[in-house]
Amino acid sequence: MADYFDLPTINEETCNGCGACCMHIGIPPFVSCDDYEFQVLPCDLKRELWSQWDKVFSPAETHGAGKPCLWLNLETRQCRHYEHRPFCCREFRPRSDVCLDDRELCGIDNPL
């Protein structure tokens, strides 16, 4: 079984920095605060997530769905903490059907 840290990185050739996959998830999609990948985050990133939770999302919302990920830099359309992104972000494949659907939802032209 490959370590999730060994998954390929997304680069300009594969992603084009569109950020569409991050535009509607609200918070980095960790499974739970008890999950291993959340537990190994640096303390400052955990504090950032906890402190932003109440400021950004109303109690009625679930994980801020429909809003950009807290870690997405909206100017560069890149993850501010790319090296610490959750497994589901690591395994996300540019140009997959989900990617193309996200791009369409955000009004971004699909790659060739």
N, C-alpha and C. Protein backbone atom coordinates (compact mmCIF):
# COMPACT_ATOMS: atom_id res chain seq x y z
N MET A 1 0.85 -1.19 0.00
CA MET A 1 0.00 0.00 0.00
C MET A 1 0.89 1.25 0.00
N ALA A 2 0.67 2.12 -0.94
CA ALA A 2 1.48 3.33 -1.06
C ALA A 2 1.08 4.32 0.02
N ASP A 3 2.05 5.02 0.53
CA ASP A 3 1.82 6.09 1.50
C ASP A 3 1.13 7.24 0.79
N TYR A 4 0.12 7.87 1.43
CA TYR A 4 -0.60 8.93 0.73
C TYR A 4 0.28 10.12 0.44
N PHE A 5 1.40 10.26 1.11
CA PHE A 5 2.31 11.36 0.80
C PHE A 5 3.05 11.14 -0.50
N ASP A 6 2.99 9.91 -1.05
CA ASP A 6 3.69 9.59 -2.28
C ASP A 6 2.85 9.82 -3.53
N LEU A 7 1.62 10.26 -3.37
CA LEU A 7 0.78 10.48 -4.53
C LEU A 7 1.35 11.60 -5.38
N PRO A 8 1.06 11.59 -6.68
CA PRO A 8 1.64 12.61 -7.57
C PRO A 8 1.17 14.01 -7.22
N THR A 9 1.99 14.98 -7.51
CA THR A 9 1.61 16.37 -7.29
C THR A 9 0.93 16.92 -8.53
N ILE A 10 0.09 17.90 -8.31
CA ILE A 10 -0.59 18.57 -9.41
C ILE A 10 0.28 19.74 -9.82
N ASN A 11 0.45 19.92 -11.11
CA ASN A 11 1.28 21.01 -11.60
C ASN A 11 0.55 21.75 -12.72
N GLU A 12 1.20 22.76 -13.25
CA GLU A 12 0.59 23.57 -14.31
C GLU A 12 0.17 22.74 -15.52
N GLU A 13 0.93 21.71 -15.86
CA GLU A 13 0.60 20.90 -17.02
C GLU A 13 -0.67 20.09 -16.79
N THR A 14 -0.92 19.66 -15.56
CA THR A 14 -2.07 18.82 -15.31
C THR A 14 -3.27 19.58 -14.79
N CYS A 15 -3.06 20.71 -14.15
CA CYS A 15 -4.15 21.40 -13.46
C CYS A 15 -4.45 22.79 -14.01
N ASN A 16 -3.46 23.48 -14.49
CA ASN A 16 -3.61 24.84 -14.98
C ASN A 16 -4.06 25.82 -13.89
N GLY A 17 -3.91 25.44 -12.62
CA GLY A 17 -4.22 26.34 -11.51
C GLY A 17 -5.64 26.87 -11.50
N CYS A 18 -6.60 26.07 -11.95
CA CYS A 18 -7.97 26.60 -12.01
C CYS A 18 -8.63 26.66 -10.65
N GLY A 19 -8.35 25.71 -9.75
CA GLY A 19 -8.93 25.72 -8.41
C GLY A 19 -10.40 25.35 -8.35
N ALA A 20 -10.98 24.92 -9.45
CA ALA A 20 -12.41 24.60 -9.48
C ALA A 20 -12.78 23.52 -8.46
N CYS A 21 -11.89 22.57 -8.24
CA CYS A 21 -12.18 21.48 -7.30
C CYS A 21 -12.28 21.98 -5.87
N CYS A 22 -11.75 23.16 -5.58
CA CYS A 22 -11.74 23.71 -4.22
C CYS A 22 -12.77 24.81 -4.01
N MET A 23 -13.49 25.16 -5.05
CA MET A 23 -14.37 26.32 -4.98
C MET A 23 -15.69 26.08 -4.25
N HIS A 24 -15.97 24.84 -3.88
CA HIS A 24 -17.27 24.57 -3.28
C HIS A 24 -17.21 23.64 -2.06
N ILE A 25 -16.03 23.44 -1.48
CA ILE A 25 -15.92 22.47 -0.39
C ILE A 25 -15.85 23.11 1.00
N GLY A 26 -15.65 24.40 1.09
CA GLY A 26 -15.67 25.09 2.38
C GLY A 26 -14.42 24.92 3.23
N ILE A 27 -14.21 23.74 3.72
CA ILE A 27 -13.02 23.48 4.53
C ILE A 27 -12.25 22.33 3.90
N PRO A 28 -10.96 22.22 4.18
CA PRO A 28 -10.24 21.06 3.68
C PRO A 28 -10.97 19.79 4.12
N PRO A 29 -11.24 18.89 3.21
CA PRO A 29 -12.10 17.73 3.51
C PRO A 29 -11.42 16.61 4.28
N PHE A 30 -11.03 16.90 5.52
CA PHE A 30 -10.53 15.85 6.40
C PHE A 30 -11.72 15.02 6.84
N VAL A 31 -11.52 13.74 7.05
CA VAL A 31 -12.62 12.86 7.45
C VAL A 31 -13.16 13.29 8.81
N SER A 32 -12.30 13.52 9.77
CA SER A 32 -12.72 13.99 11.09
C SER A 32 -11.50 14.52 11.83
N CYS A 33 -11.74 15.19 12.94
CA CYS A 33 -10.63 15.68 13.77
C CYS A 33 -9.87 14.53 14.42
N ASP A 34 -10.49 13.36 14.49
CA ASP A 34 -9.82 12.19 15.05
C ASP A 34 -9.03 11.42 14.00
N ASP A 35 -9.19 11.78 12.75
CA ASP A 35 -8.53 11.09 11.66
C ASP A 35 -7.02 11.32 11.70
N TYR A 36 -6.26 10.31 11.32
CA TYR A 36 -4.79 10.39 11.36
C TYR A 36 -4.25 11.59 10.59
N GLU A 37 -4.74 11.81 9.39
CA GLU A 37 -4.16 12.89 8.59
C GLU A 37 -4.44 14.26 9.19
N PHE A 38 -5.54 14.40 9.92
CA PHE A 38 -5.78 15.66 10.63
C PHE A 38 -4.85 15.75 11.84
N GLN A 39 -4.69 14.65 12.54
CA GLN A 39 -3.84 14.64 13.74
C GLN A 39 -2.39 14.99 13.44
N VAL A 40 -1.89 14.65 12.26
CA VAL A 40 -0.48 14.93 11.94
C VAL A 40 -0.27 16.32 11.36
N LEU A 41 -1.33 17.09 11.21
CA LEU A 41 -1.16 18.48 10.77
C LEU A 41 -0.36 19.26 11.80
N PRO A 42 0.44 20.22 11.34
CA PRO A 42 1.10 21.11 12.30
C PRO A 42 0.05 21.83 13.15
N CYS A 43 0.39 22.08 14.38
CA CYS A 43 -0.55 22.71 15.33
C CYS A 43 -1.12 24.02 14.82
N ASP A 44 -0.30 24.82 14.14
CA ASP A 44 -0.80 26.11 13.66
C ASP A 44 -1.90 25.93 12.61
N LEU A 45 -1.82 24.88 11.80
CA LEU A 45 -2.88 24.65 10.81
C LEU A 45 -4.16 24.15 11.47
N LYS A 46 -4.02 23.33 12.50
CA LYS A 46 -5.20 22.89 13.24
C LYS A 46 -5.88 24.10 13.89
N ARG A 47 -5.08 24.96 14.50
CA ARG A 47 -5.64 26.15 15.14
C ARG A 47 -6.34 27.04 14.10
N GLU A 48 -5.72 27.17 12.93
CA GLU A 48 -6.33 27.98 11.87
C GLU A 48 -7.70 27.43 11.50
N LEU A 49 -7.80 26.13 11.34
CA LEU A 49 -9.09 25.54 10.99
C LEU A 49 -10.11 25.74 12.09
N TRP A 50 -9.72 25.48 13.33
CA TRP A 50 -10.64 25.64 14.45
C TRP A 50 -11.08 27.09 14.61
N SER A 51 -10.16 28.03 14.48
CA SER A 51 -10.51 29.44 14.68
C SER A 51 -11.39 29.97 13.56
N GLN A 52 -11.22 29.48 12.37
CA GLN A 52 -12.00 29.96 11.24
C GLN A 52 -13.38 29.32 11.15
N TRP A 53 -13.51 28.16 11.72
CA TRP A 53 -14.77 27.42 11.60
C TRP A 53 -15.98 28.29 11.95
N ASP A 54 -15.98 28.89 13.14
CA ASP A 54 -17.13 29.69 13.58
C ASP A 54 -17.24 31.02 12.85
N LYS A 55 -16.13 31.57 12.42
CA LYS A 55 -16.14 32.87 11.73
C LYS A 55 -16.70 32.75 10.32
N VAL A 56 -16.40 31.66 9.64
CA VAL A 56 -16.73 31.54 8.23
C VAL A 56 -18.07 30.88 7.99
N PHE A 57 -18.41 29.91 8.82
CA PHE A 57 -19.61 29.12 8.55
C PHE A 57 -20.66 29.31 9.62
N SER A 58 -21.89 29.48 9.18
CA SER A 58 -23.00 29.55 10.14
C SER A 58 -23.29 28.15 10.65
N PRO A 59 -23.89 28.04 11.84
CA PRO A 59 -24.19 26.72 12.40
C PRO A 59 -25.10 25.88 11.51
N ALA A 60 -25.90 26.52 10.67
CA ALA A 60 -26.83 25.77 9.82
C ALA A 60 -26.13 25.10 8.64
N GLU A 61 -24.94 25.55 8.30
CA GLU A 61 -24.23 24.98 7.16
C GLU A 61 -23.45 23.73 7.56
N THR A 62 -23.21 22.89 6.58
CA THR A 62 -22.41 21.70 6.80
C THR A 62 -21.07 21.90 6.11
N HIS A 63 -20.02 22.07 6.89
CA HIS A 63 -18.66 22.22 6.38
C HIS A 63 -18.51 23.35 5.37
N GLY A 64 -19.41 24.32 5.36
CA GLY A 64 -19.29 25.44 4.45
C GLY A 64 -19.48 25.07 3.01
N ALA A 65 -20.21 23.99 2.76
CA ALA A 65 -20.42 23.55 1.38
C ALA A 65 -20.91 24.70 0.53
N GLY A 66 -20.39 24.81 -0.65
CA GLY A 66 -20.75 25.86 -1.57
C GLY A 66 -19.83 27.07 -1.51
N LYS A 67 -18.94 27.10 -0.54
CA LYS A 67 -17.97 28.20 -0.41
C LYS A 67 -16.58 27.68 -0.74
N PRO A 68 -15.68 28.57 -1.14
CA PRO A 68 -14.30 28.12 -1.42
C PRO A 68 -13.64 27.54 -0.17
N CYS A 69 -12.76 26.61 -0.38
CA CYS A 69 -11.99 26.01 0.71
C CYS A 69 -11.21 27.11 1.44
N LEU A 70 -11.15 27.01 2.76
CA LEU A 70 -10.39 27.98 3.56
C LEU A 70 -8.94 28.06 3.12
N TRP A 71 -8.40 26.97 2.63
CA TRP A 71 -6.99 26.94 2.27
C TRP A 71 -6.73 27.41 0.84
N LEU A 72 -7.75 27.69 0.07
CA LEU A 72 -7.56 28.11 -1.31
C LEU A 72 -7.22 29.59 -1.37
N ASN A 73 -6.10 29.91 -2.01
CA ASN A 73 -5.74 31.29 -2.27
C ASN A 73 -6.54 31.70 -3.51
N LEU A 74 -7.49 32.58 -3.35
CA LEU A 74 -8.38 32.94 -4.44
C LEU A 74 -7.68 33.72 -5.56
N GLU A 75 -6.57 34.35 -5.25
CA GLU A 75 -5.84 35.07 -6.29
C GLU A 75 -5.05 34.13 -7.19
N THR A 76 -4.35 33.18 -6.58
CA THR A 76 -3.52 32.26 -7.36
C THR A 76 -4.27 30.99 -7.75
N ARG A 77 -5.41 30.74 -7.09
CA ARG A 77 -6.21 29.52 -7.28
C ARG A 77 -5.41 28.28 -6.93
N GLN A 78 -4.53 28.42 -5.92
CA GLN A 78 -3.72 27.29 -5.46
C GLN A 78 -3.89 27.14 -3.95
N CYS A 79 -3.64 25.93 -3.48
CA CYS A 79 -3.75 25.62 -2.06
C CYS A 79 -2.63 26.30 -1.29
N ARG A 80 -2.99 26.99 -0.20
CA ARG A 80 -1.99 27.65 0.63
C ARG A 80 -1.18 26.65 1.45
N HIS A 81 -1.71 25.47 1.66
CA HIS A 81 -1.03 24.44 2.46
C HIS A 81 -1.00 23.12 1.69
N TYR A 82 -0.58 23.20 0.45
CA TYR A 82 -0.59 22.07 -0.49
C TYR A 82 0.06 20.82 0.08
N GLU A 83 1.18 20.99 0.77
CA GLU A 83 1.90 19.83 1.29
C GLU A 83 1.15 19.13 2.43
N HIS A 84 0.12 19.77 2.97
CA HIS A 84 -0.66 19.19 4.07
C HIS A 84 -2.10 18.87 3.65
N ARG A 85 -2.38 18.92 2.37
CA ARG A 85 -3.75 18.69 1.92
C ARG A 85 -4.22 17.27 2.25
N PRO A 86 -5.53 17.11 2.46
CA PRO A 86 -6.08 15.80 2.81
C PRO A 86 -5.93 14.79 1.68
N PHE A 87 -6.09 13.52 2.06
CA PHE A 87 -5.94 12.44 1.10
C PHE A 87 -6.85 12.59 -0.10
N CYS A 88 -8.11 12.96 0.11
CA CYS A 88 -9.02 13.06 -1.04
C CYS A 88 -8.56 14.15 -2.01
N CYS A 89 -7.88 15.17 -1.52
CA CYS A 89 -7.30 16.18 -2.41
C CYS A 89 -6.07 15.62 -3.13
N ARG A 90 -5.30 14.81 -2.41
CA ARG A 90 -4.11 14.20 -3.00
C ARG A 90 -4.45 13.24 -4.12
N GLU A 91 -5.56 12.51 -3.98
CA GLU A 91 -5.91 11.52 -4.99
C GLU A 91 -6.77 12.09 -6.11
N PHE A 92 -7.18 13.34 -5.98
CA PHE A 92 -7.99 13.97 -7.02
C PHE A 92 -7.21 14.03 -8.33
N ARG A 93 -7.84 13.67 -9.41
CA ARG A 93 -7.16 13.60 -10.69
C ARG A 93 -7.63 14.70 -11.64
N PRO A 94 -6.71 15.61 -12.01
CA PRO A 94 -7.05 16.60 -13.03
C PRO A 94 -7.50 15.88 -14.32
N ARG A 95 -8.47 16.48 -14.97
CA ARG A 95 -9.05 15.98 -16.21
C ARG A 95 -9.93 14.75 -16.02
N SER A 96 -10.18 14.37 -14.76
CA SER A 96 -11.13 13.28 -14.50
C SER A 96 -12.54 13.83 -14.75
N ASP A 97 -13.53 12.95 -14.75
CA ASP A 97 -14.91 13.41 -14.93
C ASP A 97 -15.31 14.40 -13.85
N VAL A 98 -14.90 14.14 -12.60
CA VAL A 98 -15.23 15.05 -11.50
C VAL A 98 -14.57 16.41 -11.72
N CYS A 99 -13.33 16.41 -12.15
CA CYS A 99 -12.61 17.65 -12.45
C CYS A 99 -13.35 18.43 -13.54
N LEU A 100 -13.70 17.76 -14.60
CA LEU A 100 -14.39 18.44 -15.71
C LEU A 100 -15.75 18.98 -15.27
N ASP A 101 -16.44 18.23 -14.41
CA ASP A 101 -17.72 18.71 -13.87
C ASP A 101 -17.52 19.96 -13.01
N ASP A 102 -16.47 19.94 -12.16
CA ASP A 102 -16.17 21.10 -11.32
C ASP A 102 -15.84 22.31 -12.17
N ARG A 103 -15.05 22.11 -13.21
CA ARG A 103 -14.68 23.21 -14.11
C ARG A 103 -15.92 23.80 -14.78
N GLU A 104 -16.81 22.93 -15.22
CA GLU A 104 -18.04 23.40 -15.87
C GLU A 104 -18.90 24.19 -14.88
N LEU A 105 -19.03 23.68 -13.65
CA LEU A 105 -19.80 24.36 -12.62
C LEU A 105 -19.26 25.76 -12.34
N CYS A 106 -17.93 25.92 -12.42
CA CYS A 106 -17.29 27.21 -12.16
C CYS A 106 -17.16 28.07 -13.42
N GLY A 107 -17.61 27.55 -14.56
CA GLY A 107 -17.54 28.32 -15.81
C GLY A 107 -16.13 28.41 -16.37
N ILE A 108 -15.32 27.39 -16.11
CA ILE A 108 -13.95 27.36 -16.61
C ILE A 108 -13.88 26.41 -17.80
N ASP A 109 -13.29 26.86 -18.90
CA ASP A 109 -13.18 26.01 -20.09
C ASP A 109 -12.44 24.73 -19.73
N ASN A 110 -12.90 23.64 -20.31
CA ASN A 110 -12.25 22.36 -20.09
C ASN A 110 -10.96 22.27 -20.90
N PRO A 111 -9.95 21.57 -20.34
CA PRO A 111 -8.69 21.41 -21.07
C PRO A 111 -8.90 20.48 -22.26
N LEU A 112 -7.99 20.52 -23.19
CA LEU A 112 -8.07 19.65 -24.37
C LEU A 112 -8.07 18.21 -24.00
